[in-house]
C-alpha atoms as a PDB file:
ATOM      1  CA  MET A   1      -7.925 -16.662  25.266  1.00  0.00           C
ATOM      2  CA  MET A   2      -9.301 -20.180  24.897  1.00  0.00           C
ATOM      3  CA  ASP A   3      -8.007 -22.847  27.235  1.00  0.00           C
ATOM      4  CA  ALA A   4      -5.947 -25.631  25.657  1.00  0.00           C
ATOM      5  CA  PRO A   5      -8.019 -28.762  25.122  1.00  0.00           C
ATOM      6  CA  ARG A   6      -7.730 -31.328  27.841  1.00  0.00           C
ATOM      7  CA  VAL A   7      -6.107 -34.640  27.007  1.00  0.00           C
ATOM      8  CA  GLY A   8      -8.632 -37.390  27.579  1.00  0.00           C
ATOM      9  CA  GLY A   9      -7.919 -40.622  29.379  1.00  0.00           C
ATOM     10  CA  HIS A  10      -7.110 -42.562  26.229  1.00  0.00           C
ATOM     11  CA  GLY A  11      -4.967 -39.706  24.923  1.00  0.00           C
ATOM     12  CA  ALA A  12      -2.934 -39.473  28.126  1.00  0.00           C
ATOM     13  CA  THR A  13      -2.436 -43.240  28.218  1.00  0.00           C
ATOM     14  CA  GLY A  14      -1.520 -43.282  24.535  1.00  0.00           C
ATOM     15  CA  ALA A  15       1.108 -40.590  25.088  1.00  0.00           C
ATOM     16  CA  ARG A  16       2.527 -42.557  28.016  1.00  0.00           C
ATOM     17  CA  VAL A  17       2.710 -45.760  25.982  1.00  0.00           C
ATOM     18  CA  ALA A  18       4.289 -43.854  23.077  1.00  0.00           C
ATOM     19  CA  GLU A  19       6.970 -42.346  25.325  1.00  0.00           C
ATOM     20  CA  THR A  20       7.861 -45.742  26.818  1.00  0.00           C
ATOM     21  CA  LEU A  21       7.962 -47.442  23.419  1.00  0.00           C
ATOM     22  CA  ARG A  22       9.945 -44.569  21.875  1.00  0.00           C
ATOM     23  CA  LEU A  23      12.619 -44.890  24.553  1.00  0.00           C
ATOM     24  CA  ALA A  24      12.705 -48.680  24.149  1.00  0.00           C
ATOM     25  CA  ILE A  25      13.278 -48.330  20.400  1.00  0.00           C
ATOM     26  CA  LEU A  26      15.961 -45.668  20.828  1.00  0.00           C
ATOM     27  CA  ASP A  27      17.685 -47.737  23.534  1.00  0.00           C
ATOM     28  CA  GLY A  28      17.862 -50.735  21.206  1.00  0.00           C
ATOM     29  CA  GLU A  29      15.381 -52.937  23.069  1.00  0.00           C
ATOM     30  CA  TYR A  30      13.567 -53.239  19.749  1.00  0.00           C
ATOM     31  CA  THR A  31      15.531 -53.598  16.533  1.00  0.00           C
ATOM     32  CA  PRO A  32      14.592 -52.470  13.003  1.00  0.00           C
ATOM     33  CA  GLY A  33      12.108 -54.846  11.420  1.00  0.00           C
ATOM     34  CA  GLU A  34      11.017 -56.341  14.755  1.00  0.00           C
ATOM     35  CA  ARG A  35       7.298 -56.850  15.168  1.00  0.00           C
ATOM     36  CA  ILE A  36       5.581 -54.892  17.945  1.00  0.00           C
ATOM     37  CA  ARG A  37       2.922 -56.987  19.675  1.00  0.00           C
ATOM     38  CA  GLN A  38       0.011 -54.710  20.516  1.00  0.00           C
ATOM     39  CA  ASP A  39      -1.478 -57.153  23.027  1.00  0.00           C
ATOM     40  CA  GLU A  40       1.833 -57.311  24.901  1.00  0.00           C
ATOM     41  CA  LEU A  41       2.041 -53.510  25.014  1.00  0.00           C
ATOM     42  CA  ALA A  42      -1.524 -53.274  26.271  1.00  0.00           C
ATOM     43  CA  GLU A  43      -0.892 -55.854  28.998  1.00  0.00           C
ATOM     44  CA  ARG A  44       2.389 -54.231  30.061  1.00  0.00           C
ATOM     45  CA  HIS A  45       0.719 -50.844  30.492  1.00  0.00           C
ATOM     46  CA  GLY A  46      -2.588 -52.081  31.829  1.00  0.00           C
ATOM     47  CA  ALA A  47      -4.274 -50.421  28.895  1.00  0.00           C
ATOM     48  CA  SER A  48      -6.851 -51.263  26.260  1.00  0.00           C
ATOM     49  CA  ARG A  49      -6.039 -51.613  22.578  1.00  0.00           C
ATOM     50  CA  LEU A  50      -7.268 -48.073  21.765  1.00  0.00           C
ATOM     51  CA  PRO A  51      -4.481 -46.077  23.498  1.00  0.00           C
ATOM     52  CA  VAL A  52      -1.921 -48.589  22.206  1.00  0.00           C
ATOM     53  CA  ARG A  53      -3.096 -47.938  18.653  1.00  0.00           C
ATOM     54  CA  GLU A  54      -2.932 -44.194  19.347  1.00  0.00           C
ATOM     55  CA  ALA A  55       0.656 -44.601  20.583  1.00  0.00           C
ATOM     56  CA  LEU A  56       1.639 -46.540  17.472  1.00  0.00           C
ATOM     57  CA  ARG A  57       0.136 -43.871  15.225  1.00  0.00           C
ATOM     58  CA  MET A  58       2.166 -41.219  17.072  1.00  0.00           C
ATOM     59  CA  LEU A  59       5.369 -43.158  16.512  1.00  0.00           C
ATOM     60  CA  GLU A  60       4.442 -43.845  12.897  1.00  0.00           C
ATOM     61  CA  ALA A  61       4.218 -40.071  12.364  1.00  0.00           C
ATOM     62  CA  GLU A  62       7.745 -39.792  13.838  1.00  0.00           C
ATOM     63  CA  GLY A  63       9.079 -42.449  11.456  1.00  0.00           C
ATOM     64  CA  LEU A  64       9.879 -44.932  14.234  1.00  0.00           C
ATOM     65  CA  VAL A  65       7.073 -47.412  13.552  1.00  0.00           C
ATOM     66  CA  THR A  66       5.571 -48.837  10.371  1.00  0.00           C
ATOM     67  CA  LEU A  67       1.886 -49.801  10.460  1.00  0.00           C
ATOM     68  CA  VAL A  68       0.418 -52.213   7.924  1.00  0.00           C
ATOM     69  CA  ALA A  69      -3.379 -52.195   7.730  1.00  0.00           C
ATOM     70  CA  ASN A  70      -5.010 -55.343   9.122  1.00  0.00           C
ATOM     71  CA  THR A  71      -1.567 -56.859   9.695  1.00  0.00           C
ATOM     72  CA  GLY A  72       0.336 -55.203  12.536  1.00  0.00           C
ATOM     73  CA  ALA A  73       3.158 -52.889  13.543  1.00  0.00           C
ATOM     74  CA  TRP A  74       6.905 -53.131  13.087  1.00  0.00           C
ATOM     75  CA  VAL A  75       9.903 -51.029  14.054  1.00  0.00           C
ATOM     76  CA  SER A  76      10.750 -49.014  10.957  1.00  0.00           C
ATOM     77  CA  THR A  77      13.804 -49.893   8.909  1.00  0.00           C
ATOM     78  CA  LEU A  78      16.010 -47.765   6.690  1.00  0.00           C
ATOM     79  CA  SER A  79      17.841 -48.826   3.586  1.00  0.00           C
ATOM     80  CA  ALA A  80      21.421 -47.666   3.112  1.00  0.00           C
ATOM     81  CA  GLU A  81      20.182 -45.126   0.574  1.00  0.00           C
ATOM     82  CA  GLU A  82      17.475 -43.781   2.890  1.00  0.00           C
ATOM     83  CA  CYS A  83      19.904 -43.441   5.776  1.00  0.00           C
ATOM     84  CA  GLN A  84      22.402 -41.621   3.580  1.00  0.00           C
ATOM     85  CA  GLU A  85      19.656 -39.185   2.555  1.00  0.00           C
ATOM     86  CA  LEU A  86      18.672 -38.533   6.167  1.00  0.00           C
ATOM     87  CA  TYR A  87      22.315 -37.947   7.073  1.00  0.00           C
ATOM     88  CA  LEU A  88      22.698 -35.543   4.150  1.00  0.00           C
ATOM     89  CA  VAL A  89      19.688 -33.597   5.409  1.00  0.00           C
ATOM     90  CA  ARG A  90      21.089 -33.638   8.929  1.00  0.00           C
ATOM     91  CA  GLU A  91      24.488 -32.546   7.597  1.00  0.00           C
ATOM     92  CA  ARG A  92      22.875 -29.409   6.157  1.00  0.00           C
ATOM     93  CA  LEU A  93      20.261 -28.589   8.780  1.00  0.00           C
ATOM     94  CA  GLU A  94      21.781 -29.488  12.141  1.00  0.00           C
ATOM     95  CA  PRO A  95      24.734 -27.084  11.713  1.00  0.00           C
ATOM     96  CA  LEU A  96      22.224 -24.372  10.754  1.00  0.00           C
ATOM     97  CA  LEU A  97      20.275 -25.013  13.951  1.00  0.00           C
ATOM     98  CA  LEU A  98      23.449 -25.003  16.027  1.00  0.00           C
ATOM     99  CA  GLY A  99      24.542 -21.698  14.512  1.00  0.00           C
ATOM    100  CA  MET A 100      21.180 -20.131  15.319  1.00  0.00           C
ATOM    101  CA  ASN A 101      21.581 -21.206  18.946  1.00  0.00           C
ATOM    102  CA  VAL A 102      25.228 -20.217  19.500  1.00  0.00           C
ATOM    103  CA  PRO A 103      24.416 -16.674  20.736  1.00  0.00           C
ATOM    104  CA  PHE A 104      22.056 -18.086  23.363  1.00  0.00           C
ATOM    105  CA  VAL A 105      23.958 -21.106  24.697  1.00  0.00           C
ATOM    106  CA  THR A 106      24.700 -20.504  28.383  1.00  0.00           C
ATOM    107  CA  ASP A 107      28.068 -20.812  30.087  1.00  0.00           C
ATOM    108  CA  GLN A 108      26.586 -23.600  32.183  1.00  0.00           C
ATOM    109  CA  GLU A 109      25.597 -25.515  29.053  1.00  0.00           C
ATOM    110  CA  ILE A 110      29.070 -25.103  27.580  1.00  0.00           C
ATOM    111  CA  GLN A 111      30.566 -26.445  30.794  1.00  0.00           C
ATOM    112  CA  ARG A 112      28.187 -29.392  30.611  1.00  0.00           C
ATOM    113  CA  LEU A 113      29.279 -30.018  27.023  1.00  0.00           C
ATOM    114  CA  GLN A 114      32.904 -30.065  28.157  1.00  0.00           C
ATOM    115  CA  VAL A 115      32.067 -32.631  30.826  1.00  0.00           C
ATOM    116  CA  LEU A 116      30.222 -34.769  28.275  1.00  0.00           C
ATOM    117  CA  ALA A 117      33.104 -34.568  25.775  1.00  0.00           C
ATOM    118  CA  ASP A 118      35.595 -35.645  28.447  1.00  0.00           C
ATOM    119  CA  ARG A 119      33.387 -38.491  29.649  1.00  0.00           C
ATOM    120  CA  MET A 120      32.929 -39.779  26.090  1.00  0.00           C
ATOM    121  CA  ASN A 121      36.685 -39.727  25.585  1.00  0.00           C
ATOM    122  CA  ASP A 122      37.157 -41.796  28.752  1.00  0.00           C
ATOM    123  CA  SER A 123      34.230 -44.153  28.215  1.00  0.00           C
ATOM    124  CA  ALA A 124      34.832 -47.840  27.594  1.00  0.00           C
ATOM    125  CA  ASP A 125      31.187 -48.695  26.925  1.00  0.00           C
ATOM    126  CA  VAL A 126      29.323 -48.212  23.635  1.00  0.00           C
ATOM    127  CA  GLU A 127      25.904 -47.674  25.206  1.00  0.00           C
ATOM    128  CA  GLU A 128      27.251 -45.118  27.657  1.00  0.00           C
ATOM    129  CA  PHE A 129      28.973 -43.313  24.792  1.00  0.00           C
ATOM    130  CA  LEU A 130      25.724 -43.244  22.782  1.00  0.00           C
ATOM    131  CA  MET A 131      23.794 -41.801  25.710  1.00  0.00           C
ATOM    132  CA  LEU A 132      26.430 -39.112  26.299  1.00  0.00           C
ATOM    133  CA  ASP A 133      26.768 -38.345  22.584  1.00  0.00           C
ATOM    134  CA  ARG A 134      23.040 -37.829  22.199  1.00  0.00           C
ATOM    135  CA  GLU A 135      22.962 -35.455  25.172  1.00  0.00           C
ATOM    136  CA  PHE A 136      26.008 -33.625  23.790  1.00  0.00           C
ATOM    137  CA  HIS A 137      24.448 -32.919  20.419  1.00  0.00           C
ATOM    138  CA  LEU A 138      20.976 -32.057  21.734  1.00  0.00           C
ATOM    139  CA  THR A 139      22.155 -29.745  24.538  1.00  0.00           C
ATOM    140  CA  GLY A 140      21.583 -26.065  23.896  1.00  0.00           C
ATOM    141  CA  ILE A 141      19.642 -26.379  20.632  1.00  0.00           C
ATOM    142  CA  ASP A 142      16.263 -25.311  22.029  1.00  0.00           C
ATOM    143  CA  HIS A 143      17.009 -21.626  22.544  1.00  0.00           C
ATOM    144  CA  ALA A 144      16.362 -20.348  19.014  1.00  0.00           C
ATOM    145  CA  ASN A 145      12.732 -19.720  18.128  1.00  0.00           C
ATOM    146  CA  THR A 146      12.061 -22.151  15.282  1.00  0.00           C
ATOM    147  CA  SER A 147       8.788 -23.472  13.909  1.00  0.00           C
ATOM    148  CA  VAL A 148      10.018 -26.747  12.381  1.00  0.00           C
ATOM    149  CA  LEU A 149      13.825 -26.944  12.432  1.00  0.00           C
ATOM    150  CA  THR A 150      14.386 -28.060  16.032  1.00  0.00           C
ATOM    151  CA  ASP A 151      11.763 -30.806  15.867  1.00  0.00           C
ATOM    152  CA  LEU A 152      13.076 -31.917  12.470  1.00  0.00           C
ATOM    153  CA  VAL A 153      16.640 -32.284  13.742  1.00  0.00           C
ATOM    154  CA  LYS A 154      15.450 -34.299  16.747  1.00  0.00           C
ATOM    155  CA  SER A 155      13.389 -36.494  14.426  1.00  0.00           C
ATOM    156  CA  LEU A 156      16.451 -37.149  12.253  1.00  0.00           C
ATOM    157  CA  TRP A 157      18.340 -38.217  15.357  1.00  0.00           C
ATOM    158  CA  ASN A 158      15.576 -40.604  16.390  1.00  0.00           C
ATOM    159  CA  ARG A 159      15.100 -42.176  12.968  1.00  0.00           C
ATOM    160  CA  THR A 160      18.795 -42.950  12.547  1.00  0.00           C
ATOM    161  CA  GLN A 161      19.499 -44.013  16.146  1.00  0.00           C
ATOM    162  CA  HIS A 162      19.855 -47.748  15.481  1.00  0.00           C
ATOM    163  CA  TYR A 163      22.265 -47.190  12.626  1.00  0.00           C
ATOM    164  CA  ARG A 164      24.269 -44.703  14.671  1.00  0.00           C
ATOM    165  CA  ARG A 165      24.604 -47.439  17.287  1.00  0.00           C
ATOM    166  CA  ALA A 166      25.883 -49.859  14.636  1.00  0.00           C
ATOM    167  CA  ALA A 167      28.339 -47.284  13.249  1.00  0.00           C
ATOM    168  CA  THR A 168      29.597 -46.494  16.753  1.00  0.00           C
ATOM    169  CA  ARG A 169      30.364 -50.155  17.382  1.00  0.00           C
ATOM    170  CA  LEU A 170      32.389 -50.194  14.162  1.00  0.00           C
ATOM    171  CA  PHE A 171      34.289 -47.023  15.046  1.00  0.00           C
ATOM    172  CA  TRP A 172      34.850 -48.437  18.541  1.00  0.00           C
ATOM    173  CA  ASN A 173      36.401 -51.625  17.189  1.00  0.00           C
ATOM    174  CA  GLU A 174      38.595 -49.742  14.728  1.00  0.00           C
ATOM    175  CA  GLY A 175      39.971 -47.390  17.390  1.00  0.00           C
ATOM    176  CA  ASP A 176      39.122 -44.187  15.507  1.00  0.00           C
ATOM    177  CA  SER A 177      39.423 -41.277  17.949  1.00  0.00           C
ATOM    178  CA  SER A 178      38.482 -38.498  15.497  1.00  0.00           C
ATOM    179  CA  VAL A 179      34.998 -38.211  17.010  1.00  0.00           C
ATOM    180  CA  HIS A 180      36.511 -37.165  20.345  1.00  0.00           C
ATOM    181  CA  HIS A 181      38.692 -34.577  18.633  1.00  0.00           C
ATOM    182  CA  ASP A 182      35.592 -33.157  16.917  1.00  0.00           C
ATOM    183  CA  HIS A 183      33.740 -32.868  20.215  1.00  0.00           C
ATOM    184  CA  GLN A 184      36.569 -30.944  21.845  1.00  0.00           C
ATOM    185  CA  LEU A 185      36.818 -28.584  18.861  1.00  0.00           C
ATOM    186  CA  LEU A 186      33.061 -27.966  18.976  1.00  0.00           C
ATOM    187  CA  VAL A 187      33.218 -27.036  22.653  1.00  0.00           C
ATOM    188  CA  GLY A 188      36.061 -24.637  21.854  1.00  0.00           C
ATOM    189  CA  ALA A 189      34.056 -22.968  19.080  1.00  0.00           C
ATOM    190  CA  LEU A 190      31.105 -22.524  21.429  1.00  0.00           C
ATOM    191  CA  ARG A 191      33.337 -21.007  24.121  1.00  0.00           C
ATOM    192  CA  ARG A 192      34.456 -18.445  21.526  1.00  0.00           C
ATOM    193  CA  ARG A 193      30.833 -17.952  20.410  1.00  0.00           C
ATOM    194  CA  ASP A 194      32.076 -18.647  16.885  1.00  0.00           C
ATOM    195  CA  ALA A 195      28.921 -19.760  15.081  1.00  0.00           C
ATOM    196  CA  ASP A 196      30.628 -20.123  11.680  1.00  0.00           C
ATOM    197  CA  ASP A 197      33.345 -22.420  13.016  1.00  0.00           C
ATOM    198  CA  ALA A 198      30.832 -24.435  15.050  1.00  0.00           C
ATOM    199  CA  GLU A 199      28.701 -24.996  11.941  1.00  0.00           C
ATOM    200  CA  LEU A 200      31.676 -26.113   9.844  1.00  0.00           C
ATOM    201  CA  LEU A 201      32.927 -28.461  12.559  1.00  0.00           C
ATOM    202  CA  LEU A 202      29.525 -30.049  13.060  1.00  0.00           C
ATOM    203  CA  ALA A 203      28.937 -30.511   9.323  1.00  0.00           C
ATOM    204  CA  ARG A 204      32.293 -32.276   9.019  1.00  0.00           C
ATOM    205  CA  HIS A 205      31.506 -34.393  12.067  1.00  0.00           C
ATOM    206  CA  ILE A 206      28.173 -35.562  10.628  1.00  0.00           C
ATOM    207  CA  ARG A 207      29.739 -36.124   7.199  1.00  0.00           C
ATOM    208  CA  ARG A 208      32.328 -38.449   8.752  1.00  0.00           C
ATOM    209  CA  SER A 209      29.545 -40.561  10.274  1.00  0.00           C
ATOM    210  CA  ARG A 210      27.703 -40.654   6.947  1.00  0.00           C
ATOM    211  CA  LEU A 211      30.793 -41.836   5.094  1.00  0.00           C
ATOM    212  CA  GLU A 212      31.501 -44.432   7.788  1.00  0.00           C
ATOM    213  CA  LEU A 213      28.012 -45.832   7.360  1.00  0.00           C
ATOM    214  CA  SER A 214      28.445 -45.956   3.582  1.00  0.00           C
ATOM    215  CA  ARG A 215      31.475 -48.209   4.100  1.00  0.00           C
ATOM    216  CA  HIS A 216      29.410 -50.752   6.034  1.00  0.00           C
ATOM    217  CA  PRO A 217      26.214 -51.685   4.163  1.00  0.00           C
ATOM    218  CA  GLU A 218      25.890 -54.773   6.344  1.00  0.00           C
ATOM    219  CA  VAL A 219      24.434 -52.681   9.194  1.00  0.00           C
ATOM    220  CA  PHE A 220      21.291 -52.233   7.077  1.00  0.00           C
ATOM    221  CA  ASP A 221      20.668 -55.970   6.843  1.00  0.00           C
ATOM    222  CA  VAL A 222      17.676 -56.507   9.150  1.00  0.00           C
ATOM    223  CA  ARG A 223      18.604 -60.160   9.533  1.00  0.00           C
ATOM    224  CA  ALA A 224      21.940 -59.107  11.040  1.00  0.00           C
ATOM    225  CA  ALA A 225      20.355 -56.628  13.453  1.00  0.00           C
END
């Protein structure tokens, strides 16, 4: 068997820069439409321009960054229509992935999901809720042997992260507690190992977020971000 190719110095640095920038975008340190200064990234990481460009190409492939030839790099934006389409795809595919994983989710993971659901219900901070919610939905989905579905679902989460943050702030201000009810029902379905119920609950949960976003087109205004 051939050994896997070694990652060269530039490749390793590029991956490190990409990981740091990815987390910064997902955490809201960069907003949609914001320009990414390559010289600042290079200085921050003590790197040359080459690995920085490699990092930006990686994130462009993930849909997080938009590169314009001979111009620069920006955090990618979504229109309301594009976000609705991504949510529709997620609404169909994420429940499928969850159902495939239900037979393999461990008791320890289900207990962790219960803890996360309870902490979200008690949380008074939007950013804490977002962090817990992301862990909740991505816990236990790596067991099934898939070639594209798991990575696709994670990509959909990443590409819509900013708009999920905006929608969460709206739901927070309006006092809608349905999301917490959904989380508790999902944990119950997983305890019963009921894949069909878990899929239906998750599809409804994602649909509610999609409809909430459709009610607030202002979150897609880059100037308001």
